[in-house]
C-alpha atoms as a PDB file:
ATOM      1  CA  MET A   1     -18.563 -88.261  -7.852  1.00  0.00           C
ATOM      2  CA  LYS A   2     -20.865 -86.623  -5.329  1.00  0.00           C
ATOM      3  CA  ASP A   3     -22.275 -90.068  -4.497  1.00  0.00           C
ATOM      4  CA  ILE A   4     -18.866 -91.540  -3.753  1.00  0.00           C
ATOM      5  CA  VAL A   5     -17.980 -88.562  -1.554  1.00  0.00           C
ATOM      6  CA  ALA A   6     -21.204 -89.070   0.405  1.00  0.00           C
ATOM      7  CA  ILE A   7     -20.450 -92.788   0.801  1.00  0.00           C
ATOM      8  CA  LEU A   8     -16.918 -92.130   2.043  1.00  0.00           C
ATOM      9  CA  ASP A   9     -18.266 -89.488   4.397  1.00  0.00           C
ATOM     10  CA  THR A  10     -20.600 -92.053   5.999  1.00  0.00           C
ATOM     11  CA  LEU A  11     -17.524 -94.217   6.659  1.00  0.00           C
ATOM     12  CA  ASN A  12     -15.936 -91.305   8.554  1.00  0.00           C
ATOM     13  CA  TYR A  13     -13.084 -90.712   6.137  1.00  0.00           C
ATOM     14  CA  GLU A  14     -11.656 -87.201   6.222  1.00  0.00           C
ATOM     15  CA  ASN A  15     -10.465 -84.600   3.704  1.00  0.00           C
ATOM     16  CA  ILE A  16     -12.320 -86.319   0.855  1.00  0.00           C
ATOM     17  CA  ARG A  17     -11.377 -84.892  -2.539  1.00  0.00           C
ATOM     18  CA  THR A  18     -12.175 -86.149  -6.021  1.00  0.00           C
ATOM     19  CA  PHE A  19     -10.133 -85.847  -9.183  1.00  0.00           C
ATOM     20  CA  ILE A  20     -12.273 -84.948 -12.203  1.00  0.00           C
ATOM     21  CA  GLN A  21     -14.919 -87.530 -13.160  1.00  0.00           C
ATOM     22  CA  SER A  22     -12.399 -90.362 -13.060  1.00  0.00           C
ATOM     23  CA  GLY A  23     -13.433 -92.393 -10.038  1.00  0.00           C
ATOM     24  CA  ASN A  24     -10.272 -91.287  -8.265  1.00  0.00           C
ATOM     25  CA  VAL A  25     -10.740 -90.088  -4.709  1.00  0.00           C
ATOM     26  CA  ILE A  26      -8.190 -88.903  -2.184  1.00  0.00           C
ATOM     27  CA  PHE A  27      -9.065 -89.195   1.502  1.00  0.00           C
ATOM     28  CA  GLN A  28      -7.578 -89.683   4.928  1.00  0.00           C
ATOM     29  CA  ASP A  29      -8.452 -92.378   7.424  1.00  0.00           C
ATOM     30  CA  LYS A  30      -7.487 -92.550  11.073  1.00  0.00           C
ATOM     31  CA  ASN A  31      -7.487 -96.332  10.831  1.00  0.00           C
ATOM     32  CA  THR A  32      -5.588 -98.601   8.485  1.00  0.00           C
ATOM     33  CA  VAL A  33      -7.185 -98.791   5.058  1.00  0.00           C
ATOM     34  CA  ASN A  34      -7.252-102.389   3.849  1.00  0.00           C
ATOM     35  CA  GLU A  35      -9.039-104.860   1.598  1.00  0.00           C
ATOM     36  CA  LYS A  36     -11.997-104.901   3.988  1.00  0.00           C
ATOM     37  CA  SER A  37     -12.327-101.132   3.503  1.00  0.00           C
ATOM     38  CA  ALA A  38     -12.375-101.577  -0.281  1.00  0.00           C
ATOM     39  CA  ASP A  39     -15.072-104.244  -0.006  1.00  0.00           C
ATOM     40  CA  GLU A  40     -17.127-102.040   2.298  1.00  0.00           C
ATOM     41  CA  ILE A  41     -16.973 -99.116  -0.139  1.00  0.00           C
ATOM     42  CA  ALA A  42     -17.951-101.376  -3.057  1.00  0.00           C
ATOM     43  CA  LYS A  43     -20.952-102.755  -1.138  1.00  0.00           C
ATOM     44  CA  LEU A  44     -22.166 -99.257  -0.230  1.00  0.00           C
ATOM     45  CA  VAL A  45     -21.909 -98.176  -3.875  1.00  0.00           C
ATOM     46  CA  LEU A  46     -23.976-101.245  -4.787  1.00  0.00           C
ATOM     47  CA  GLU A  47     -26.627-100.374  -2.204  1.00  0.00           C
ATOM     48  CA  LYS A  48     -26.867 -96.739  -3.265  1.00  0.00           C
ATOM     49  CA  ASN A  49     -26.223 -96.940  -7.023  1.00  0.00           C
ATOM     50  CA  GLY A  50     -27.164-100.450  -8.114  1.00  0.00           C
ATOM     51  CA  PHE A  51     -23.721-101.595  -9.287  1.00  0.00           C
ATOM     52  CA  GLU A  52     -20.680-102.949  -7.465  1.00  0.00           C
ATOM     53  CA  PRO A  53     -17.399-101.515  -8.694  1.00  0.00           C
ATOM     54  CA  LYS A  54     -14.016-103.072  -8.082  1.00  0.00           C
ATOM     55  CA  VAL A  55     -12.415-100.725  -5.540  1.00  0.00           C
ATOM     56  CA  LEU A  56      -8.645-100.511  -5.316  1.00  0.00           C
ATOM     57  CA  LEU A  57      -7.214 -98.497  -2.428  1.00  0.00           C
ATOM     58  CA  LEU A  58      -3.658 -97.191  -2.591  1.00  0.00           C
ATOM     59  CA  SER A  59      -1.735 -95.349   0.082  1.00  0.00           C
ATOM     60  CA  LEU A  60       0.234 -92.201  -0.625  1.00  0.00           C
ATOM     61  CA  GLU A  61       3.396 -94.240  -0.137  1.00  0.00           C
ATOM     62  CA  GLU A  62       2.298 -96.771  -2.764  1.00  0.00           C
ATOM     63  CA  LEU A  63       1.650 -93.961  -5.258  1.00  0.00           C
ATOM     64  CA  GLN A  64       4.985 -92.318  -4.459  1.00  0.00           C
ATOM     65  CA  ASP A  65       6.812 -95.646  -4.834  1.00  0.00           C
ATOM     66  CA  ALA A  66       5.150 -96.256  -8.192  1.00  0.00           C
ATOM     67  CA  VAL A  67       6.306 -92.838  -9.401  1.00  0.00           C
ATOM     68  CA  ALA A  68       9.819 -93.288  -7.990  1.00  0.00           C
ATOM     69  CA  ASN A  69      10.190 -96.712  -9.648  1.00  0.00           C
ATOM     70  CA  ASN A  70       8.859 -95.654 -13.051  1.00  0.00           C
ATOM     71  CA  PRO A  71      11.435 -96.742 -15.643  1.00  0.00           C
ATOM     72  CA  PHE A  72      10.178 -94.634 -18.546  1.00  0.00           C
ATOM     73  CA  ALA A  73      10.479 -91.015 -19.670  1.00  0.00           C
ATOM     74  CA  THR A  74       7.666 -88.780 -18.498  1.00  0.00           C
ATOM     75  CA  ASP A  75       7.756 -86.076 -21.151  1.00  0.00           C
ATOM     76  CA  LYS A  76       4.713 -87.604 -22.880  1.00  0.00           C
ATOM     77  CA  GLY A  77       2.382 -88.014 -19.915  1.00  0.00           C
ATOM     78  CA  LYS A  78      -0.490 -89.519 -21.871  1.00  0.00           C
ATOM     79  CA  ALA A  79       1.764 -92.204 -23.364  1.00  0.00           C
ATOM     80  CA  LEU A  80       2.908 -93.579 -20.018  1.00  0.00           C
ATOM     81  CA  HIS A  81       0.427 -95.686 -18.067  1.00  0.00           C
ATOM     82  CA  PHE A  82       0.493 -97.189 -14.601  1.00  0.00           C
ATOM     83  CA  PHE A  83      -1.607-100.312 -14.151  1.00  0.00           C
ATOM     84  CA  PHE A  84      -2.057-100.718 -10.398  1.00  0.00           C
ATOM     85  CA  LEU A  85      -2.582-104.347  -9.413  1.00  0.00           C
ATOM     86  CA  GLU A  86      -4.782-105.505  -6.563  1.00  0.00           C
ATOM     87  CA  SER A  87      -2.104-108.026  -5.608  1.00  0.00           C
ATOM     88  CA  GLN A  88       1.165-109.390  -6.886  1.00  0.00           C
ATOM     89  CA  PRO A  89       0.487-111.804  -9.775  1.00  0.00           C
ATOM     90  CA  GLN A  90       1.247-115.408  -8.857  1.00  0.00           C
ATOM     91  CA  LYS A  91       1.817-116.604 -12.420  1.00  0.00           C
ATOM     92  CA  PRO A  92       2.020-113.657 -14.812  1.00  0.00           C
ATOM     93  CA  ASN A  93       1.902-114.758 -18.436  1.00  0.00           C
ATOM     94  CA  THR A  94       4.897-112.751 -19.649  1.00  0.00           C
ATOM     95  CA  GLU A  95       4.989-114.598 -22.962  1.00  0.00           C
ATOM     96  CA  GLN A  96       1.445-113.476 -23.673  1.00  0.00           C
ATOM     97  CA  LEU A  97       2.292-109.899 -22.673  1.00  0.00           C
ATOM     98  CA  THR A  98       5.297-109.875 -24.995  1.00  0.00           C
ATOM     99  CA  SER A  99       3.309-111.346 -27.895  1.00  0.00           C
ATOM    100  CA  MET A 100       0.620-108.623 -27.571  1.00  0.00           C
ATOM    101  CA  LYS A 101       3.144-105.786 -27.450  1.00  0.00           C
ATOM    102  CA  ALA A 102       3.337-103.432 -30.427  1.00  0.00           C
ATOM    103  CA  LYS A 103       6.830-102.614 -31.714  1.00  0.00           C
ATOM    104  CA  SER A 104       6.637 -99.104 -30.270  1.00  0.00           C
ATOM    105  CA  GLU A 105       5.469-100.242 -26.826  1.00  0.00           C
ATOM    106  CA  GLU A 106       7.583-100.990 -23.795  1.00  0.00           C
ATOM    107  CA  PHE A 107       6.517-102.444 -20.458  1.00  0.00           C
ATOM    108  CA  LEU A 108       7.801-103.444 -17.060  1.00  0.00           C
ATOM    109  CA  LEU A 109       6.071-105.515 -14.412  1.00  0.00           C
ATOM    110  CA  THR A 110       7.006-104.920 -10.774  1.00  0.00           C
ATOM    111  CA  ASN A 111       5.354-106.371  -7.675  1.00  0.00           C
ATOM    112  CA  LYS A 112       2.092-104.426  -7.891  1.00  0.00           C
ATOM    113  CA  VAL A 113       2.521-102.058 -10.851  1.00  0.00           C
ATOM    114  CA  PHE A 114       2.585-102.782 -14.560  1.00  0.00           C
ATOM    115  CA  TYR A 115       4.175 -99.850 -16.414  1.00  0.00           C
ATOM    116  CA  LEU A 116       3.264 -99.403 -20.066  1.00  0.00           C
ATOM    117  CA  TYR A 117       4.842 -96.873 -22.388  1.00  0.00           C
ATOM    118  CA  ALA A 118       2.574 -96.683 -25.440  1.00  0.00           C
ATOM    119  CA  PRO A 119       3.588 -93.713 -27.618  1.00  0.00           C
ATOM    120  CA  GLU A 120       0.846 -94.489 -30.150  1.00  0.00           C
ATOM    121  CA  GLY A 121      -1.817 -94.476 -27.400  1.00  0.00           C
ATOM    122  CA  ILE A 122      -3.627 -97.292 -25.633  1.00  0.00           C
ATOM    123  CA  GLY A 123      -6.949 -97.024 -27.450  1.00  0.00           C
ATOM    124  CA  ARG A 124      -5.957 -99.723 -29.926  1.00  0.00           C
ATOM    125  CA  SER A 125      -3.219-101.362 -27.896  1.00  0.00           C
ATOM    126  CA  LYS A 126      -3.645-105.129 -27.676  1.00  0.00           C
ATOM    127  CA  LEU A 127      -1.249-105.127 -24.750  1.00  0.00           C
ATOM    128  CA  ALA A 128      -3.244-102.560 -22.770  1.00  0.00           C
ATOM    129  CA  ALA A 129      -6.440-104.485 -23.454  1.00  0.00           C
ATOM    130  CA  GLY A 130      -4.935-107.823 -22.403  1.00  0.00           C
ATOM    131  CA  VAL A 131      -2.921-106.909 -19.308  1.00  0.00           C
ATOM    132  CA  GLU A 132      -5.520-107.904 -16.717  1.00  0.00           C
ATOM    133  CA  LYS A 133      -6.115-111.318 -18.277  1.00  0.00           C
ATOM    134  CA  ALA A 134      -2.389-112.031 -18.675  1.00  0.00           C
ATOM    135  CA  LEU A 135      -1.656-111.066 -15.066  1.00  0.00           C
ATOM    136  CA  ASP A 136      -4.805-112.695 -13.664  1.00  0.00           C
ATOM    137  CA  VAL A 137      -5.355-109.998 -11.016  1.00  0.00           C
ATOM    138  CA  PRO A 138      -7.742-107.030 -10.942  1.00  0.00           C
ATOM    139  CA  ILE A 139      -6.158-103.778 -12.138  1.00  0.00           C
ATOM    140  CA  THR A 140      -6.869-100.120 -12.619  1.00  0.00           C
ATOM    141  CA  ALA A 141      -4.879 -98.002 -15.054  1.00  0.00           C
ATOM    142  CA  ARG A 142      -4.032 -94.301 -14.991  1.00  0.00           C
ATOM    143  CA  ASN A 143      -1.743 -92.241 -17.183  1.00  0.00           C
ATOM    144  CA  TRP A 144       1.283 -90.355 -15.897  1.00  0.00           C
ATOM    145  CA  ASN A 145      -0.555 -87.036 -15.798  1.00  0.00           C
ATOM    146  CA  THR A 146      -3.332 -88.450 -13.607  1.00  0.00           C
ATOM    147  CA  VAL A 147      -0.934 -90.273 -11.280  1.00  0.00           C
ATOM    148  CA  GLY A 148       1.081 -87.082 -10.843  1.00  0.00           C
ATOM    149  CA  ALA A 149      -2.055 -85.088 -10.037  1.00  0.00           C
ATOM    150  CA  LEU A 150      -3.210 -87.711  -7.524  1.00  0.00           C
ATOM    151  CA  VAL A 151       0.167 -87.730  -5.775  1.00  0.00           C
ATOM    152  CA  SER A 152       0.137 -83.935  -5.552  1.00  0.00           C
ATOM    153  CA  MET A 153      -3.411 -83.929  -4.164  1.00  0.00           C
ATOM    154  CA  ALA A 154      -2.554 -86.616  -1.609  1.00  0.00           C
ATOM    155  CA  GLU A 155       0.623 -84.846  -0.490  1.00  0.00           C
ATOM    156  CA  ILE A 156      -1.328 -81.631   0.095  1.00  0.00           C
ATOM    157  CA  THR A 157      -3.964 -83.547   2.081  1.00  0.00           C
ATOM    158  CA  GLN A 158      -1.296 -85.079   4.366  1.00  0.00           C
END
């Protein structure tokens, strides 16, 4: 995480804070953060660390909207997962998603968030494992507890 902080610092981002060893970073930017910014961060990680991660940048408003639009109970924070999508899926394979779903699982796809309630966990969930392929867009998933912590950190940084 120290490496990613150093990379973001070279790009003149401000108030850079990391959340555990999760790859989640909160920062401020005087300019508009966009897809070009994500590509630039990924290329710098490649130069400095030898691998190119998929970088997904979300604004505080996008995180807050995802939380506000969550359709599921939050009392079991590790059972509720937010899959943030790089873009809105053009042709999501909802039949495939439904066929992979365990009886105990529930999901909802919105424009750029796939919500998954998996009370038995996602470690063995066929649905969790197949979401990215069925939606055909890059994703990153975080549980309710992590999303809540990130929102709190970002709100404090504002």
